[in-house]
């Protein structure tokens, strides 16, 4: 990917060049998503694709463009600590932009969006390389980008209650999944943000949300035995689960709306109907995760 060429495109306010076919330009940009050079990947390829998507450059091609991107989700899947993670992770982030575009303009049939959702969910649950920032190569951030894509999908008009329930389950499974990686680069915030988007759809009952929360709370409540010698505590899954509980409690208390889409303020400006119940559930889960800290206050005699 020729950096000077694309820097000129950026300097021209991302105007689509006329000296080359759009298909050739797009193929080069998609290859750039896999670059180990953050100046190519983060500063040129992704923002150019995101801008062109937002401006409607791909509107007539959106189903095929999204399908083509999905191939990148399986590239090197199962590898850990290799450079292939960049293609998978930035494919997910770009696919989120594709879904955002459909959310704004209603361009794609439901079966196409659901196909993208299946590919995203499969990738996110099978992804083993959960590094956040990689020295010399920049952000990998698979969990954060996966959560962003799930959040975009949760906004889709194509998502009924069954799909939203499945998306929550994907996030829960990812949170409690065994891993060696602690989420220390705002992954908790991005996962909770995706959950908030689902909550604002107001399609799930308090009972369903309680069922969803249970495995996360159970993982977060794990405690080491006094005689155990552990290399670290909390273990990454416990650390990750506790972090999500804390951040989700904060976002729910503050009233974060989730991923904004132009024109949907009426729908997503509505209060979360299960907010009071979920606040209580989350408070109890946080208290149960560290009972030695979150002890009930006692009144002095």
Protein backbone atom coordinates (compact mmCIF):
# COMPACT_ATOMS: atom_id res chain seq x y z
CA UNK A 1 0.00 0.00 0.00
CA UNK A 2 1.56 3.25 -1.17
CA UNK A 3 1.34 5.61 1.80
CA UNK A 4 2.00 8.79 -0.19
CA UNK A 5 -0.90 8.06 -2.56
CA UNK A 6 -3.35 7.55 0.29
CA UNK A 7 -2.06 10.51 2.24
CA UNK A 8 -2.96 12.60 -0.81
CA UNK A 9 -6.44 11.07 -0.73
CA UNK A 10 -6.79 12.06 2.90
CA UNK A 11 -5.53 15.56 2.16
CA UNK A 12 -8.24 15.86 -0.49
CA UNK A 13 -10.90 15.17 2.16
CA UNK A 14 -11.09 11.51 1.17
CA UNK A 15 -12.38 12.24 -2.32
CA UNK A 16 -12.50 9.01 -4.33
CA UNK A 17 -9.64 9.09 -6.88
CA UNK A 18 -10.58 8.85 -10.56
CA UNK A 19 -7.27 7.48 -11.81
CA UNK A 20 -8.03 3.91 -10.71
CA UNK A 21 -11.05 1.62 -10.59
CA UNK A 22 -12.97 1.59 -7.30
CA UNK A 23 -12.55 -2.18 -7.07
CA UNK A 24 -8.76 -1.87 -7.24
CA UNK A 25 -8.73 0.91 -4.68
CA UNK A 26 -10.92 -1.12 -2.34
CA UNK A 27 -8.80 -4.25 -2.63
CA UNK A 28 -5.72 -2.23 -1.70
CA UNK A 29 -7.46 -0.67 1.29
CA UNK A 30 -8.73 -4.03 2.53
CA UNK A 31 -5.20 -5.44 2.28
CA UNK A 32 -4.08 -2.43 4.31
CA UNK A 33 -6.32 -3.56 7.18
CA UNK A 34 -3.89 -6.44 7.70
CA UNK A 35 -0.78 -4.26 7.79
CA UNK A 36 1.49 -4.44 10.82
CA UNK A 37 2.25 -0.75 10.29
CA UNK A 38 -0.27 1.26 12.32
CA UNK A 39 0.23 4.27 10.06
CA UNK A 40 -1.05 2.21 7.16
CA UNK A 41 -3.74 0.26 9.01
CA UNK A 42 -5.12 2.74 11.57
CA UNK A 43 -4.32 6.06 9.91
CA UNK A 44 -4.95 5.30 6.22
CA UNK A 45 -6.80 2.08 5.34
CA UNK A 46 -9.48 1.96 8.03
CA UNK A 47 -10.42 5.68 8.11
CA UNK A 48 -10.61 5.81 4.32
CA UNK A 49 -12.93 2.81 4.14
CA UNK A 50 -15.01 4.12 7.05
CA UNK A 51 -15.37 7.54 5.41
CA UNK A 52 -16.32 6.11 2.03
CA UNK A 53 -18.87 3.86 3.67
CA UNK A 54 -20.39 6.76 5.58
CA UNK A 55 -20.57 8.87 2.41
CA UNK A 56 -22.36 6.15 0.46
CA UNK A 57 -19.57 5.22 -1.94
CA UNK A 58 -20.42 1.53 -1.50
CA UNK A 59 -24.19 1.81 -1.15
CA UNK A 60 -24.93 -0.10 -4.37
CA UNK A 61 -22.30 -2.70 -3.49
CA UNK A 62 -22.92 -3.10 0.21
CA UNK A 63 -24.04 -6.77 0.34
CA UNK A 64 -21.06 -7.97 -1.67
CA UNK A 65 -18.69 -5.65 0.12
CA UNK A 66 -19.76 -6.99 3.50
CA UNK A 67 -19.56 -10.60 2.33
CA UNK A 68 -16.08 -9.99 1.00
CA UNK A 69 -14.95 -8.47 4.28
CA UNK A 70 -16.22 -11.48 6.23
CA UNK A 71 -13.53 -13.65 4.65
CA UNK A 72 -10.99 -11.72 6.72
CA UNK A 73 -12.60 -12.90 9.96
CA UNK A 74 -11.38 -16.44 9.41
CA UNK A 75 -7.88 -15.51 8.23
CA UNK A 76 -5.45 -17.20 10.63
CA UNK A 77 -8.23 -17.81 13.14
CA UNK A 78 -6.87 -19.96 15.98
CA UNK A 79 -3.43 -18.40 15.82
CA UNK A 80 -2.13 -16.54 18.85
CA UNK A 81 0.62 -13.96 19.02
CA UNK A 82 0.93 -13.67 15.22
CA UNK A 83 0.31 -10.77 12.88
CA UNK A 84 -2.85 -12.33 11.43
CA UNK A 85 -4.89 -10.82 14.28
CA UNK A 86 -4.76 -7.40 12.67
CA UNK A 87 -6.68 -8.52 9.60
CA UNK A 88 -9.34 -10.25 11.68
CA UNK A 89 -9.75 -7.44 14.16
CA UNK A 90 -9.84 -4.59 11.66
CA UNK A 91 -12.14 -6.59 9.42
CA UNK A 92 -14.60 -6.66 12.32
CA UNK A 93 -14.22 -2.94 12.90
CA UNK A 94 -14.83 -2.19 9.21
CA UNK A 95 -17.78 -4.57 9.10
CA UNK A 96 -19.24 -2.53 11.96
CA UNK A 97 -19.11 0.49 9.64
CA UNK A 98 -20.90 -1.50 6.94
CA UNK A 99 -23.67 -2.37 9.38
CA UNK A 100 -23.83 1.23 10.59
CA UNK A 101 -24.42 2.30 6.99
CA UNK A 102 -27.29 -0.14 6.57
CA UNK A 103 -28.72 0.99 9.90
CA UNK A 104 -28.77 4.57 8.63
CA UNK A 105 -29.99 3.97 5.07
CA UNK A 106 -31.82 0.57 5.03
CA UNK A 107 -29.86 -0.88 2.12
CA UNK A 108 -29.52 -4.61 2.84
CA UNK A 109 -31.94 -7.52 3.25
CA UNK A 110 -32.23 -9.15 6.65
CA UNK A 111 -30.70 -12.48 5.60
CA UNK A 112 -27.52 -10.69 4.52
CA UNK A 113 -27.12 -8.85 7.82
CA UNK A 114 -27.84 -12.02 9.78
CA UNK A 115 -25.16 -13.80 7.73
CA UNK A 116 -22.67 -11.13 8.74
CA UNK A 117 -23.79 -11.48 12.34
CA UNK A 118 -23.21 -15.24 12.31
CA UNK A 119 -19.69 -14.73 10.96
CA UNK A 120 -18.94 -12.06 13.56
CA UNK A 121 -20.21 -14.18 16.44
CA UNK A 122 -18.28 -17.24 15.31
CA UNK A 123 -15.08 -15.24 14.98
CA UNK A 124 -15.43 -13.43 18.31
CA UNK A 125 -16.01 -16.65 20.25
CA UNK A 126 -13.14 -18.47 18.54
CA UNK A 127 -10.63 -15.62 18.63
CA UNK A 128 -7.64 -16.57 20.80
CA UNK A 129 -5.43 -13.53 20.32
CA UNK A 130 -6.85 -10.95 22.72
CA UNK A 131 -3.87 -8.61 22.84
CA UNK A 132 -4.81 -4.97 23.14
CA UNK A 133 -1.78 -2.89 22.22
CA UNK A 134 1.07 -4.67 20.45
CA UNK A 135 4.49 -2.97 20.71
CA UNK A 136 5.71 -1.61 17.35
CA UNK A 137 2.52 -2.74 15.58
CA UNK A 138 -0.16 -0.77 17.45
CA UNK A 139 -3.68 -1.80 18.33
CA UNK A 140 -4.91 -5.34 17.76
CA UNK A 141 -7.90 -4.92 20.10
CA UNK A 142 -9.96 -7.88 18.90
CA UNK A 143 -12.34 -7.83 21.88
CA UNK A 144 -12.98 -4.09 21.60
CA UNK A 145 -13.52 -4.23 17.84
CA UNK A 146 -15.71 -7.30 18.18
CA UNK A 147 -17.84 -5.54 20.78
CA UNK A 148 -18.16 -2.52 18.48
CA UNK A 149 -19.41 -4.77 15.70
CA UNK A 150 -21.90 -6.50 18.01
CA UNK A 151 -23.11 -3.08 19.13
CA UNK A 152 -23.63 -1.99 15.52
CA UNK A 153 -25.51 -5.20 14.80
CA UNK A 154 -27.71 -4.71 17.87
CA UNK A 155 -28.93 -1.45 16.33
CA UNK A 156 -30.13 -3.19 13.20
CA UNK A 157 -33.83 -3.17 12.40
CA UNK A 158 -33.31 -6.80 11.35
CA UNK A 159 -32.62 -7.91 14.95
CA UNK A 160 -35.61 -9.35 16.73
CA UNK A 161 -35.71 -10.46 20.35
CA UNK A 162 -34.17 -13.83 19.53
CA UNK A 163 -31.19 -12.25 17.79
CA UNK A 164 -30.65 -9.75 20.60
CA UNK A 165 -30.75 -12.59 23.13
CA UNK A 166 -28.16 -14.45 21.07
CA UNK A 167 -25.92 -11.37 20.87
CA UNK A 168 -26.00 -11.00 24.65
CA UNK A 169 -25.08 -14.66 25.00
CA UNK A 170 -22.13 -14.20 22.66
CA UNK A 171 -20.87 -11.33 24.80
CA UNK A 172 -21.36 -13.34 28.01
CA UNK A 173 -19.53 -16.35 26.58
CA UNK A 174 -16.65 -14.11 25.49
CA UNK A 175 -16.46 -12.46 28.93
CA UNK A 176 -16.17 -15.71 30.89
CA UNK A 177 -14.14 -17.66 28.34
CA UNK A 178 -10.81 -18.95 29.60
CA UNK A 179 -7.91 -16.87 28.34
CA UNK A 180 -4.44 -15.77 29.33
CA UNK A 181 -5.21 -12.13 28.50
CA UNK A 182 -6.42 -9.57 30.99
CA UNK A 183 -8.47 -6.82 29.43
CA UNK A 184 -6.50 -3.70 30.30
CA UNK A 185 -7.12 -1.50 27.23
CA UNK A 186 -10.76 -0.44 27.74
CA UNK A 187 -12.20 -3.72 26.49
CA UNK A 188 -14.54 -3.70 29.50
CA UNK A 189 -15.92 -0.33 28.42
CA UNK A 190 -16.50 -1.38 24.83
CA UNK A 191 -18.20 -4.66 25.80
CA UNK A 192 -20.45 -2.86 28.28
CA UNK A 193 -21.25 -0.25 25.63
CA UNK A 194 -22.46 -2.99 23.30
CA UNK A 195 -24.61 -4.40 26.11
CA UNK A 196 -26.13 -0.96 26.68
CA UNK A 197 -27.10 -0.81 23.01
CA UNK A 198 -28.98 -4.10 23.38
CA UNK A 199 -30.65 -2.90 26.58
CA UNK A 200 -31.96 0.22 24.84
CA UNK A 201 -33.93 -1.96 22.45
CA UNK A 202 -36.19 -2.83 25.42
CA UNK A 203 -36.98 -6.28 24.05
CA UNK A 204 -35.60 -8.44 26.87
CA UNK A 205 -37.32 -9.06 30.19
CA UNK A 206 -35.73 -8.73 33.61
CA UNK A 207 -35.82 -12.52 33.95
CA UNK A 208 -33.90 -12.94 30.71
CA UNK A 209 -31.33 -10.38 31.77
CA UNK A 210 -30.92 -12.12 35.12
CA UNK A 211 -30.29 -15.40 33.33
CA UNK A 212 -27.72 -13.68 31.09
CA UNK A 213 -25.93 -12.06 34.02
CA UNK A 214 -25.64 -15.23 36.10
CA UNK A 215 -22.54 -16.84 34.48
CA UNK A 216 -20.70 -13.51 34.52
CA UNK A 217 -21.51 -12.96 38.20
CA UNK A 218 -20.53 -16.56 39.02
CA UNK A 219 -17.14 -16.14 37.32
CA UNK A 220 -16.57 -12.79 39.00
CA UNK A 221 -17.37 -14.27 42.42
CA UNK A 222 -14.64 -16.91 42.26
CA UNK A 223 -12.22 -16.65 45.19
CA UNK A 224 -8.84 -18.33 45.71
CA UNK A 225 -8.45 -20.92 48.42
CA UNK A 226 -6.26 -19.72 51.25
CA UNK A 227 -3.70 -22.50 50.70
CA UNK A 228 -3.50 -22.02 46.92
CA UNK A 229 -0.33 -20.70 45.32
CA UNK A 230 -1.34 -18.86 42.18
CA UNK A 231 0.82 -17.10 39.59
CA UNK A 232 -1.64 -14.22 39.54
CA UNK A 233 -4.94 -13.23 41.06
CA UNK A 234 -7.49 -12.60 39.93
CA UNK A 235 -7.09 -14.90 36.96
CA UNK A 236 -7.81 -13.25 33.60
CA UNK A 237 -11.39 -14.57 33.28
CA UNK A 238 -12.24 -13.42 36.81
CA UNK A 239 -10.54 -10.07 36.20
CA UNK A 240 -12.41 -9.60 32.93
CA UNK A 241 -15.79 -10.54 34.39
CA UNK A 242 -15.36 -8.22 37.36
CA UNK A 243 -14.34 -5.38 35.09
CA UNK A 244 -17.41 -5.74 32.89
CA UNK A 245 -19.70 -5.78 35.94
CA UNK A 246 -18.16 -2.57 37.30
CA UNK A 247 -18.28 -0.73 33.98
CA UNK A 248 -21.78 -1.88 33.09
CA UNK A 249 -23.02 -0.76 36.49
CA UNK A 250 -21.43 2.65 35.90
CA UNK A 251 -22.79 3.01 32.36
CA UNK A 252 -26.28 2.01 33.47
CA UNK A 253 -26.18 4.42 36.41
CA UNK A 254 -24.95 7.28 34.22
CA UNK A 255 -27.40 6.49 31.44
CA UNK A 256 -25.12 5.78 28.48
CA UNK A 257 -27.18 5.34 25.31
CA UNK A 258 -24.93 3.02 23.35
CA UNK A 259 -23.98 3.38 19.69
CA UNK A 260 -25.66 6.43 18.09
CA UNK A 261 -27.18 6.29 14.63
CA UNK A 262 -28.54 9.45 12.94
CA UNK A 263 -32.31 9.58 13.05
CA UNK A 264 -32.92 7.02 15.81
CA UNK A 265 -33.01 9.39 18.79
CA UNK A 266 -36.68 8.64 19.36
CA UNK A 267 -36.06 4.91 19.72
CA UNK A 268 -32.78 5.03 21.60
CA UNK A 269 -33.68 8.04 23.70
CA UNK A 270 -36.25 5.97 25.56
CA UNK A 271 -35.37 4.83 29.09
CA UNK A 272 -34.31 1.24 29.63
CA UNK A 273 -37.42 -0.39 31.03
CA UNK A 274 -35.50 -2.97 33.08
CA UNK A 275 -33.03 -0.40 34.40
CA UNK A 276 -34.09 -0.53 38.06
CA UNK A 277 -34.06 -4.34 38.16
CA UNK A 278 -30.73 -4.54 36.39
CA UNK A 279 -29.13 -1.94 38.66
CA UNK A 280 -30.08 -4.11 41.63
CA UNK A 281 -28.77 -7.27 39.93
CA UNK A 282 -25.48 -5.62 39.02
CA UNK A 283 -25.04 -4.16 42.50
CA UNK A 284 -25.51 -7.59 44.03
CA UNK A 285 -23.11 -9.13 41.51
CA UNK A 286 -20.42 -6.55 42.27
CA UNK A 287 -20.89 -7.06 46.00
CA UNK A 288 -20.64 -10.82 45.55
CA UNK A 289 -17.46 -10.53 43.49
CA UNK A 290 -15.48 -8.93 46.32
CA UNK A 291 -17.45 -9.39 49.56
CA UNK A 292 -14.44 -8.42 51.66
CA UNK A 293 -14.64 -4.93 50.13
CA UNK A 294 -18.35 -4.47 49.48
CA UNK A 295 -19.56 -5.35 52.97
CA UNK A 296 -22.92 -3.92 54.02
CA UNK A 297 -22.53 -0.87 56.19
CA UNK A 298 -23.32 -1.43 59.85
CA UNK A 299 -24.91 1.16 62.08
CA UNK A 300 -22.87 2.05 65.18
CA UNK A 301 -24.58 0.91 68.39
